[in-house]
Amino acid sequence: MLLGGCDSLSSLNPFDKPEVYKPDLTPPTPADKLYNEGLARLQNGDSEGASKKFEDIDKTAPFSPYARKGLLMTAYTNFQASKWEEAITASKRFIAQNPASPDAAYAQYILAMSYYNQIPDATRDQERTGQAIQALEHLIVTYPKSEYVVDAREKLLVAKDQLAGKEMNVGRYYLEKRNYTGAVNRFREVIIKYQTTRHVEEALMRLTEVYMAMGITNEAQTAAAVLGHNFPDSPWYKDAYGLLKSGGLEPREDRGSYISRAFQGFSRTVGGIIGIGSL
């Protein structure tokens, strides 16, 4: 029995049918119109809609005079919409493409604040906190005369306080489990790297406590002496002093101790700690 003719086979072959291509002849919206539409949506409180308009400039007119403005506004509107990852991506692109722009400092500020607003509580992973610190420090160093530096310094203190809090949580856990070496390492990190945070007083007291438990009395005495010298009215000093007295000891600073060296030239310049805010 013979199979059907070629025409029958051809009708069943989907690859034999020519595709009809219909090009989209609609002209793209001019960049200036997209930019103004984005601004209008932003003024009406539609940050996400505004962001899409600014993103369209990059897609349809990447070499137009509005492309740079659109990219910066993309970062800003994504930030306003709490779309942190999109704000980070756009601000990084702006800085990479326009490092000498007068707006580069603002883009860096958006980048830093996008990390900053993702800082979790001290019991959780602090990767975002570290990224916020790095971005804030870069802003302060690279753009020292920028109008954003004052706020960046305040936010930097808060971020460092958060990392110090994480170290203290782990240190207390080790202390409770009598892992004294682990506890010392954590409290040491606080007094060396995070002296301007509110945790430094407790860290010195905990070092007094740990070294007393380990029988390393000279370090315990030094920690208490440094605490008393720099924070004489601290309740943590009263606790440290009481611990030493219970062992028949007095605060006495060993100038060769790492604790003493860490506080050479130290001055308490921080008043209160400002809570985590927004741009």
C-alpha atoms as a PDB file:
ATOM      1  CA  MET A   1       0.000   0.000   0.000  1.00  0.00           C
ATOM      2  CA  LEU A   2       1.400   3.330  -1.042  1.00  0.00           C
ATOM      3  CA  LEU A   3       1.670   6.249   1.332  1.00  0.00           C
ATOM      4  CA  GLY A   4      -0.044   9.545   0.522  1.00  0.00           C
ATOM      5  CA  GLY A   5       1.540  12.044  -1.811  1.00  0.00           C
ATOM      6  CA  CYS A   6       4.081  14.681  -1.009  1.00  0.00           C
ATOM      7  CA  ASP A   7       1.384  17.288  -0.545  1.00  0.00           C
ATOM      8  CA  SER A   8      -0.110  15.320   2.326  1.00  0.00           C
ATOM      9  CA  LEU A   9       3.224  14.991   4.052  1.00  0.00           C
ATOM     10  CA  SER A  10       3.952  18.662   3.514  1.00  0.00           C
ATOM     11  CA  SER A  11       0.720  19.664   5.172  1.00  0.00           C
ATOM     12  CA  LEU A  12       1.686  17.713   8.271  1.00  0.00           C
ATOM     13  CA  ASN A  13       5.192  19.189   8.497  1.00  0.00           C
ATOM     14  CA  PRO A  14       5.182  22.256  10.775  1.00  0.00           C
ATOM     15  CA  PHE A  15       8.667  23.221   9.600  1.00  0.00           C
ATOM     16  CA  ASP A  16       7.512  23.573   6.012  1.00  0.00           C
ATOM     17  CA  LYS A  17       5.197  26.499   6.710  1.00  0.00           C
ATOM     18  CA  PRO A  18       6.764  29.898   6.106  1.00  0.00           C
ATOM     19  CA  GLU A  19       6.545  32.276   9.033  1.00  0.00           C
ATOM     20  CA  VAL A  20       5.228  35.707   8.361  1.00  0.00           C
ATOM     21  CA  TYR A  21       7.330  38.286  10.191  1.00  0.00           C
ATOM     22  CA  LYS A  22       5.500  41.455  11.053  1.00  0.00           C
ATOM     23  CA  PRO A  23       7.944  44.059  12.352  1.00  0.00           C
ATOM     24  CA  ASP A  24       6.802  46.475  15.024  1.00  0.00           C
ATOM     25  CA  LEU A  25       6.969  49.801  13.274  1.00  0.00           C
ATOM     26  CA  THR A  26       5.797  51.789  16.287  1.00  0.00           C
ATOM     27  CA  PRO A  27       8.456  54.428  16.968  1.00  0.00           C
ATOM     28  CA  PRO A  28       9.930  54.363  20.491  1.00  0.00           C
ATOM     29  CA  THR A  29       8.824  57.013  22.931  1.00  0.00           C
ATOM     30  CA  PRO A  30      11.366  59.862  22.962  1.00  0.00           C
ATOM     31  CA  ALA A  31      13.742  59.830  25.924  1.00  0.00           C
ATOM     32  CA  ASP A  32      12.700  63.260  27.153  1.00  0.00           C
ATOM     33  CA  LYS A  33       9.047  62.214  27.184  1.00  0.00           C
ATOM     34  CA  LEU A  34       9.870  59.014  29.098  1.00  0.00           C
ATOM     35  CA  TYR A  35      11.850  61.029  31.615  1.00  0.00           C
ATOM     36  CA  ASN A  36       9.043  63.528  32.162  1.00  0.00           C
ATOM     37  CA  GLU A  37       6.480  60.740  32.426  1.00  0.00           C
ATOM     38  CA  GLY A  38       8.676  59.111  35.060  1.00  0.00           C
ATOM     39  CA  LEU A  39       8.875  62.346  37.029  1.00  0.00           C
ATOM     40  CA  ALA A  40       5.099  62.758  36.823  1.00  0.00           C
ATOM     41  CA  ARG A  41       4.505  59.257  38.164  1.00  0.00           C
ATOM     42  CA  LEU A  42       7.015  59.839  40.926  1.00  0.00           C
ATOM     43  CA  GLN A  43       5.228  63.032  41.959  1.00  0.00           C
ATOM     44  CA  ASN A  44       1.974  61.074  42.091  1.00  0.00           C
ATOM     45  CA  GLY A  45       3.537  58.557  44.466  1.00  0.00           C
ATOM     46  CA  ASP A  46       3.928  55.772  41.906  1.00  0.00           C
ATOM     47  CA  SER A  47       7.583  54.871  42.466  1.00  0.00           C
ATOM     48  CA  GLU A  48       7.368  51.530  40.663  1.00  0.00           C
ATOM     49  CA  GLY A  49       5.665  53.046  37.625  1.00  0.00           C
ATOM     50  CA  ALA A  50       8.233  55.832  37.562  1.00  0.00           C
ATOM     51  CA  SER A  51      11.039  53.310  37.745  1.00  0.00           C
ATOM     52  CA  LYS A  52       9.730  51.494  34.666  1.00  0.00           C
ATOM     53  CA  LYS A  53       9.705  54.734  32.682  1.00  0.00           C
ATOM     54  CA  PHE A  54      13.290  55.520  33.653  1.00  0.00           C
ATOM     55  CA  GLU A  55      14.361  51.963  32.835  1.00  0.00           C
ATOM     56  CA  ASP A  56      12.800  52.316  29.380  1.00  0.00           C
ATOM     57  CA  ILE A  57      15.186  55.182  28.639  1.00  0.00           C
ATOM     58  CA  ASP A  58      18.118  52.820  29.113  1.00  0.00           C
ATOM     59  CA  LYS A  59      16.487  50.257  26.808  1.00  0.00           C
ATOM     60  CA  THR A  60      15.384  52.559  23.985  1.00  0.00           C
ATOM     61  CA  ALA A  61      17.836  55.468  24.137  1.00  0.00           C
ATOM     62  CA  PRO A  62      20.979  54.363  26.003  1.00  0.00           C
ATOM     63  CA  PHE A  63      23.117  57.054  24.380  1.00  0.00           C
ATOM     64  CA  SER A  64      20.722  59.961  24.821  1.00  0.00           C
ATOM     65  CA  PRO A  65      21.457  62.878  27.174  1.00  0.00           C
ATOM     66  CA  TYR A  66      18.689  61.501  29.405  1.00  0.00           C
ATOM     67  CA  ALA A  67      20.264  58.065  29.838  1.00  0.00           C
ATOM     68  CA  ARG A  68      22.517  59.118  32.724  1.00  0.00           C
ATOM     69  CA  LYS A  69      19.681  60.945  34.496  1.00  0.00           C
ATOM     70  CA  GLY A  70      17.371  58.016  33.900  1.00  0.00           C
ATOM     71  CA  LEU A  71      19.806  55.534  35.416  1.00  0.00           C
ATOM     72  CA  LEU A  72      20.209  57.615  38.566  1.00  0.00           C
ATOM     73  CA  MET A  73      16.448  58.019  38.846  1.00  0.00           C
ATOM     74  CA  THR A  74      16.054  54.274  38.352  1.00  0.00           C
ATOM     75  CA  ALA A  75      18.223  53.756  41.417  1.00  0.00           C
ATOM     76  CA  TYR A  76      16.303  56.377  43.384  1.00  0.00           C
ATOM     77  CA  THR A  77      12.797  55.190  42.485  1.00  0.00           C
ATOM     78  CA  ASN A  78      13.677  51.572  43.205  1.00  0.00           C
ATOM     79  CA  PHE A  79      14.977  52.704  46.573  1.00  0.00           C
ATOM     80  CA  GLN A  80      11.745  54.601  47.221  1.00  0.00           C
ATOM     81  CA  ALA A  81       9.803  51.448  46.346  1.00  0.00           C
ATOM     82  CA  SER A  82      11.951  49.418  48.801  1.00  0.00           C
ATOM     83  CA  LYS A  83      13.287  47.341  45.902  1.00  0.00           C
ATOM     84  CA  TRP A  84      16.750  47.165  47.418  1.00  0.00           C
ATOM     85  CA  GLU A  85      18.417  44.779  44.971  1.00  0.00           C
ATOM     86  CA  GLU A  86      17.263  46.792  41.960  1.00  0.00           C
ATOM     87  CA  ALA A  87      18.448  50.015  43.627  1.00  0.00           C
ATOM     88  CA  ILE A  88      21.828  48.426  44.347  1.00  0.00           C
ATOM     89  CA  THR A  89      22.221  47.246  40.752  1.00  0.00           C
ATOM     90  CA  ALA A  90      21.272  50.622  39.254  1.00  0.00           C
ATOM     91  CA  SER A  91      23.437  52.671  41.612  1.00  0.00           C
ATOM     92  CA  LYS A  92      26.444  50.418  40.989  1.00  0.00           C
ATOM     93  CA  ARG A  93      25.966  50.806  37.237  1.00  0.00           C
ATOM     94  CA  PHE A  94      25.733  54.572  37.536  1.00  0.00           C
ATOM     95  CA  ILE A  95      28.944  54.778  39.575  1.00  0.00           C
ATOM     96  CA  ALA A  96      30.793  52.458  37.189  1.00  0.00           C
ATOM     97  CA  GLN A  97      29.690  54.413  34.114  1.00  0.00           C
ATOM     98  CA  ASN A  98      29.946  57.904  35.618  1.00  0.00           C
ATOM     99  CA  PRO A  99      32.692  57.869  38.274  1.00  0.00           C
ATOM    100  CA  ALA A 100      33.487  61.565  37.815  1.00  0.00           C
ATOM    101  CA  SER A 101      29.876  62.724  37.779  1.00  0.00           C
ATOM    102  CA  PRO A 102      28.761  65.265  40.409  1.00  0.00           C
ATOM    103  CA  ASP A 103      25.934  62.808  41.123  1.00  0.00           C
ATOM    104  CA  ALA A 104      28.271  59.872  41.851  1.00  0.00           C
ATOM    105  CA  ALA A 105      28.249  60.681  45.571  1.00  0.00           C
ATOM    106  CA  TYR A 106      24.460  60.507  45.612  1.00  0.00           C
ATOM    107  CA  ALA A 107      24.514  57.181  43.780  1.00  0.00           C
ATOM    108  CA  GLN A 108      26.984  55.883  46.377  1.00  0.00           C
ATOM    109  CA  TYR A 109      24.658  57.125  49.118  1.00  0.00           C
ATOM    110  CA  ILE A 110      21.718  55.256  47.571  1.00  0.00           C
ATOM    111  CA  LEU A 111      23.905  52.142  47.337  1.00  0.00           C
ATOM    112  CA  ALA A 112      24.965  52.389  50.977  1.00  0.00           C
ATOM    113  CA  MET A 113      21.443  53.057  52.208  1.00  0.00           C
ATOM    114  CA  SER A 114      20.056  50.155  50.181  1.00  0.00           C
ATOM    115  CA  TYR A 115      22.382  47.858  52.123  1.00  0.00           C
ATOM    116  CA  TYR A 116      21.752  49.725  55.375  1.00  0.00           C
ATOM    117  CA  ASN A 117      17.981  49.317  55.199  1.00  0.00           C
ATOM    118  CA  GLN A 118      18.435  45.546  55.009  1.00  0.00           C
ATOM    119  CA  ILE A 119      20.392  45.309  58.270  1.00  0.00           C
ATOM    120  CA  PRO A 120      18.792  42.531  60.347  1.00  0.00           C
ATOM    121  CA  ASP A 121      18.708  42.212  64.113  1.00  0.00           C
ATOM    122  CA  ALA A 122      21.902  41.175  65.878  1.00  0.00           C
ATOM    123  CA  THR A 123      20.839  37.517  66.199  1.00  0.00           C
ATOM    124  CA  ARG A 124      20.889  36.951  62.431  1.00  0.00           C
ATOM    125  CA  ASP A 125      23.535  36.815  59.702  1.00  0.00           C
ATOM    126  CA  GLN A 126      25.220  40.211  59.330  1.00  0.00           C
ATOM    127  CA  GLU A 127      26.407  40.045  55.708  1.00  0.00           C
ATOM    128  CA  ARG A 128      24.296  43.065  54.750  1.00  0.00           C
ATOM    129  CA  THR A 129      25.664  44.989  57.728  1.00  0.00           C
ATOM    130  CA  GLY A 130      29.202  44.421  56.518  1.00  0.00           C
ATOM    131  CA  GLN A 131      28.249  45.532  53.010  1.00  0.00           C
ATOM    132  CA  ALA A 132      26.605  48.665  54.418  1.00  0.00           C
ATOM    133  CA  ILE A 133      29.749  49.494  56.398  1.00  0.00           C
ATOM    134  CA  GLN A 134      31.941  49.048  53.317  1.00  0.00           C
ATOM    135  CA  ALA A 135      29.675  51.256  51.173  1.00  0.00           C
ATOM    136  CA  LEU A 136      29.381  53.953  53.860  1.00  0.00           C
ATOM    137  CA  GLU A 137      33.135  54.043  54.432  1.00  0.00           C
ATOM    138  CA  HIS A 138      33.701  54.312  50.673  1.00  0.00           C
ATOM    139  CA  LEU A 139      31.325  57.272  50.547  1.00  0.00           C
ATOM    140  CA  ILE A 140      33.098  59.031  53.426  1.00  0.00           C
ATOM    141  CA  VAL A 141      36.582  58.468  51.994  1.00  0.00           C
ATOM    142  CA  THR A 142      35.834  59.049  48.302  1.00  0.00           C
ATOM    143  CA  TYR A 143      33.479  62.007  48.679  1.00  0.00           C
ATOM    144  CA  PRO A 144      34.610  63.688  51.924  1.00  0.00           C
ATOM    145  CA  LYS A 145      33.012  67.041  51.026  1.00  0.00           C
ATOM    146  CA  SER A 146      29.702  65.528  50.036  1.00  0.00           C
ATOM    147  CA  GLU A 147      26.510  66.661  51.761  1.00  0.00           C
ATOM    148  CA  TYR A 148      25.817  62.995  52.553  1.00  0.00           C
ATOM    149  CA  VAL A 149      28.911  62.459  54.711  1.00  0.00           C
ATOM    150  CA  VAL A 150      27.375  63.608  58.006  1.00  0.00           C
ATOM    151  CA  ASP A 151      24.489  61.164  57.711  1.00  0.00           C
ATOM    152  CA  ALA A 152      26.847  58.458  56.450  1.00  0.00           C
ATOM    153  CA  ARG A 153      28.984  58.803  59.584  1.00  0.00           C
ATOM    154  CA  GLU A 154      25.927  58.434  61.807  1.00  0.00           C
ATOM    155  CA  LYS A 155      24.711  55.399  59.885  1.00  0.00           C
ATOM    156  CA  LEU A 156      28.213  53.912  60.040  1.00  0.00           C
ATOM    157  CA  LEU A 157      28.140  54.061  63.839  1.00  0.00           C
ATOM    158  CA  VAL A 158      24.795  52.270  63.897  1.00  0.00           C
ATOM    159  CA  ALA A 159      26.022  49.567  61.520  1.00  0.00           C
ATOM    160  CA  LYS A 160      29.172  48.985  63.561  1.00  0.00           C
ATOM    161  CA  ASP A 161      27.078  48.855  66.717  1.00  0.00           C
ATOM    162  CA  GLN A 162      25.078  46.085  65.062  1.00  0.00           C
ATOM    163  CA  LEU A 163      28.188  44.035  64.289  1.00  0.00           C
ATOM    164  CA  ALA A 164      29.445  44.583  67.827  1.00  0.00           C
ATOM    165  CA  GLY A 165      26.104  43.349  69.130  1.00  0.00           C
ATOM    166  CA  LYS A 166      26.498  40.168  67.110  1.00  0.00           C
ATOM    167  CA  GLU A 167      29.978  39.592  68.566  1.00  0.00           C
ATOM    168  CA  MET A 168      28.632  40.172  72.080  1.00  0.00           C
ATOM    169  CA  ASN A 169      25.820  37.666  71.577  1.00  0.00           C
ATOM    170  CA  VAL A 170      28.265  34.979  70.486  1.00  0.00           C
ATOM    171  CA  GLY A 171      30.733  35.903  73.236  1.00  0.00           C
ATOM    172  CA  ARG A 172      28.069  35.601  75.939  1.00  0.00           C
ATOM    173  CA  TYR A 173      27.080  32.214  74.544  1.00  0.00           C
ATOM    174  CA  TYR A 174      30.678  30.987  74.710  1.00  0.00           C
ATOM    175  CA  LEU A 175      31.033  32.375  78.220  1.00  0.00           C
ATOM    176  CA  GLU A 176      27.905  30.558  79.354  1.00  0.00           C
ATOM    177  CA  LYS A 177      29.256  27.317  77.855  1.00  0.00           C
ATOM    178  CA  ARG A 178      32.641  27.975  79.527  1.00  0.00           C
ATOM    179  CA  ASN A 179      34.372  28.164  76.175  1.00  0.00           C
ATOM    180  CA  TYR A 180      36.610  30.891  77.541  1.00  0.00           C
ATOM    181  CA  THR A 181      38.963  31.129  74.578  1.00  0.00           C
ATOM    182  CA  GLY A 182      36.049  31.594  72.203  1.00  0.00           C
ATOM    183  CA  ALA A 183      34.533  34.215  74.502  1.00  0.00           C
ATOM    184  CA  VAL A 184      37.807  36.157  74.775  1.00  0.00           C
ATOM    185  CA  ASN A 185      38.154  36.249  70.991  1.00  0.00           C
ATOM    186  CA  ARG A 186      34.689  37.750  70.576  1.00  0.00           C
ATOM    187  CA  PHE A 187      35.015  40.360  73.334  1.00  0.00           C
ATOM    188  CA  ARG A 188      38.492  41.231  72.116  1.00  0.00           C
ATOM    189  CA  GLU A 189      37.054  41.907  68.655  1.00  0.00           C
ATOM    190  CA  VAL A 190      34.626  44.410  70.161  1.00  0.00           C
ATOM    191  CA  ILE A 191      37.207  46.424  72.112  1.00  0.00           C
ATOM    192  CA  ILE A 192      39.616  46.566  69.164  1.00  0.00           C
ATOM    193  CA  LYS A 193      37.274  47.150  66.212  1.00  0.00           C
ATOM    194  CA  TYR A 194      34.142  48.644  67.745  1.00  0.00           C
ATOM    195  CA  GLN A 195      35.304  50.997  70.478  1.00  0.00           C
ATOM    196  CA  THR A 196      32.821  53.708  69.507  1.00  0.00           C
ATOM    197  CA  THR A 197      29.811  51.437  70.074  1.00  0.00           C
ATOM    198  CA  ARG A 198      27.704  51.098  73.192  1.00  0.00           C
ATOM    199  CA  HIS A 199      28.909  47.506  73.616  1.00  0.00           C
ATOM    200  CA  VAL A 200      32.513  48.333  74.487  1.00  0.00           C
ATOM    201  CA  GLU A 201      31.808  48.849  78.209  1.00  0.00           C
ATOM    202  CA  GLU A 202      30.197  45.444  78.605  1.00  0.00           C
ATOM    203  CA  ALA A 203      32.960  43.855  76.515  1.00  0.00           C
ATOM    204  CA  LEU A 204      35.592  45.132  78.971  1.00  0.00           C
ATOM    205  CA  MET A 205      33.573  43.868  81.913  1.00  0.00           C
ATOM    206  CA  ARG A 206      33.142  40.455  80.249  1.00  0.00           C
ATOM    207  CA  LEU A 207      36.885  40.277  79.649  1.00  0.00           C
ATOM    208  CA  THR A 208      37.355  40.907  83.358  1.00  0.00           C
ATOM    209  CA  GLU A 209      34.924  38.074  84.058  1.00  0.00           C
ATOM    210  CA  VAL A 210      36.472  35.628  81.589  1.00  0.00           C
ATOM    211  CA  TYR A 211      40.064  36.265  82.636  1.00  0.00           C
ATOM    212  CA  MET A 212      39.119  35.876  86.299  1.00  0.00           C
ATOM    213  CA  ALA A 213      37.555  32.504  85.440  1.00  0.00           C
ATOM    214  CA  MET A 214      40.728  31.528  83.551  1.00  0.00           C
ATOM    215  CA  GLY A 215      42.982  32.677  86.378  1.00  0.00           C
ATOM    216  CA  ILE A 216      44.722  35.264  84.171  1.00  0.00           C
ATOM    217  CA  THR A 217      44.447  37.986  86.773  1.00  0.00           C
ATOM    218  CA  ASN A 218      46.700  40.617  85.176  1.00  0.00           C
ATOM    219  CA  GLU A 219      44.449  40.799  82.109  1.00  0.00           C
ATOM    220  CA  ALA A 220      41.349  40.856  84.322  1.00  0.00           C
ATOM    221  CA  GLN A 221      42.816  43.751  86.304  1.00  0.00           C
ATOM    222  CA  THR A 222      43.794  45.574  83.120  1.00  0.00           C
ATOM    223  CA  ALA A 223      40.326  45.212  81.588  1.00  0.00           C
ATOM    224  CA  ALA A 224      38.731  46.615  84.737  1.00  0.00           C
ATOM    225  CA  ALA A 225      41.268  49.448  84.993  1.00  0.00           C
ATOM    226  CA  VAL A 226      40.739  50.491  81.367  1.00  0.00           C
ATOM    227  CA  LEU A 227      36.977  50.323  81.882  1.00  0.00           C
ATOM    228  CA  GLY A 228      37.182  52.481  85.001  1.00  0.00           C
ATOM    229  CA  HIS A 229      39.498  55.014  83.384  1.00  0.00           C
ATOM    230  CA  ASN A 230      37.400  55.538  80.267  1.00  0.00           C
ATOM    231  CA  PHE A 231      33.924  54.930  81.690  1.00  0.00           C
ATOM    232  CA  PRO A 232      34.122  55.696  85.433  1.00  0.00           C
ATOM    233  CA  ASP A 233      30.346  56.053  85.835  1.00  0.00           C
ATOM    234  CA  SER A 234      29.450  52.909  83.939  1.00  0.00           C
ATOM    235  CA  PRO A 235      27.442  50.246  85.803  1.00  0.00           C
ATOM    236  CA  TRP A 236      29.627  47.714  83.994  1.00  0.00           C
ATOM    237  CA  TYR A 237      32.644  49.136  85.832  1.00  0.00           C
ATOM    238  CA  LYS A 238      30.902  48.570  89.142  1.00  0.00           C
ATOM    239  CA  ASP A 239      30.371  44.934  88.181  1.00  0.00           C
ATOM    240  CA  ALA A 240      33.989  44.517  87.054  1.00  0.00           C
ATOM    241  CA  TYR A 241      35.271  46.163  90.221  1.00  0.00           C
ATOM    242  CA  GLY A 242      33.099  43.859  92.320  1.00  0.00           C
ATOM    243  CA  LEU A 243      34.471  40.792  90.546  1.00  0.00           C
ATOM    244  CA  LEU A 244      38.046  41.819  91.281  1.00  0.00           C
ATOM    245  CA  LYS A 245      37.271  42.622  94.919  1.00  0.00           C
ATOM    246  CA  SER A 246      35.707  39.183  95.355  1.00  0.00           C
ATOM    247  CA  GLY A 247      39.091  37.736  94.429  1.00  0.00           C
ATOM    248  CA  GLY A 248      41.038  40.137  96.623  1.00  0.00           C
ATOM    249  CA  LEU A 249      42.245  42.190  93.648  1.00  0.00           C
ATOM    250  CA  GLU A 250      42.153  45.817  92.524  1.00  0.00           C
ATOM    251  CA  PRO A 251      42.054  47.318  89.019  1.00  0.00           C
ATOM    252  CA  ARG A 252      45.622  47.700  87.758  1.00  0.00           C
ATOM    253  CA  GLU A 253      46.572  48.469  84.173  1.00  0.00           C
ATOM    254  CA  ASP A 254      49.344  46.490  82.493  1.00  0.00           C
ATOM    255  CA  ARG A 255      50.614  48.829  79.772  1.00  0.00           C
ATOM    256  CA  GLY A 256      51.937  45.875  77.794  1.00  0.00           C
ATOM    257  CA  SER A 257      48.510  44.249  77.553  1.00  0.00           C
ATOM    258  CA  TYR A 258      46.646  44.296  74.243  1.00  0.00           C
ATOM    259  CA  ILE A 259      43.707  45.745  76.171  1.00  0.00           C
ATOM    260  CA  SER A 260      45.753  48.736  77.280  1.00  0.00           C
ATOM    261  CA  ARG A 261      47.257  49.223  73.819  1.00  0.00           C
ATOM    262  CA  ALA A 262      43.819  49.128  72.211  1.00  0.00           C
ATOM    263  CA  PHE A 263      42.765  52.187  74.200  1.00  0.00           C
ATOM    264  CA  GLN A 264      45.846  54.344  73.772  1.00  0.00           C
ATOM    265  CA  GLY A 265      44.629  57.690  72.474  1.00  0.00           C
ATOM    266  CA  PHE A 266      41.018  56.608  72.890  1.00  0.00           C
ATOM    267  CA  SER A 267      38.380  59.295  73.330  1.00  0.00           C
ATOM    268  CA  ARG A 268      34.672  58.763  73.656  1.00  0.00           C
ATOM    269  CA  THR A 269      33.219  60.893  70.859  1.00  0.00           C
ATOM    270  CA  VAL A 270      29.902  59.145  70.472  1.00  0.00           C
ATOM    271  CA  GLY A 271      26.866  60.321  72.376  1.00  0.00           C
ATOM    272  CA  GLY A 272      23.756  58.310  71.699  1.00  0.00           C
ATOM    273  CA  ILE A 273      23.215  55.697  69.073  1.00  0.00           C
ATOM    274  CA  ILE A 274      20.824  56.681  66.332  1.00  0.00           C
ATOM    275  CA  GLY A 275      18.287  54.086  65.277  1.00  0.00           C
ATOM    276  CA  ILE A 276      18.160  52.598  61.802  1.00  0.00           C
ATOM    277  CA  GLY A 277      16.244  54.900  59.493  1.00  0.00           C
ATOM    278  CA  SER A 278      15.739  55.519  55.803  1.00  0.00           C
ATOM    279  CA  LEU A 279      16.900  57.786  53.047  1.00  0.00           C
END
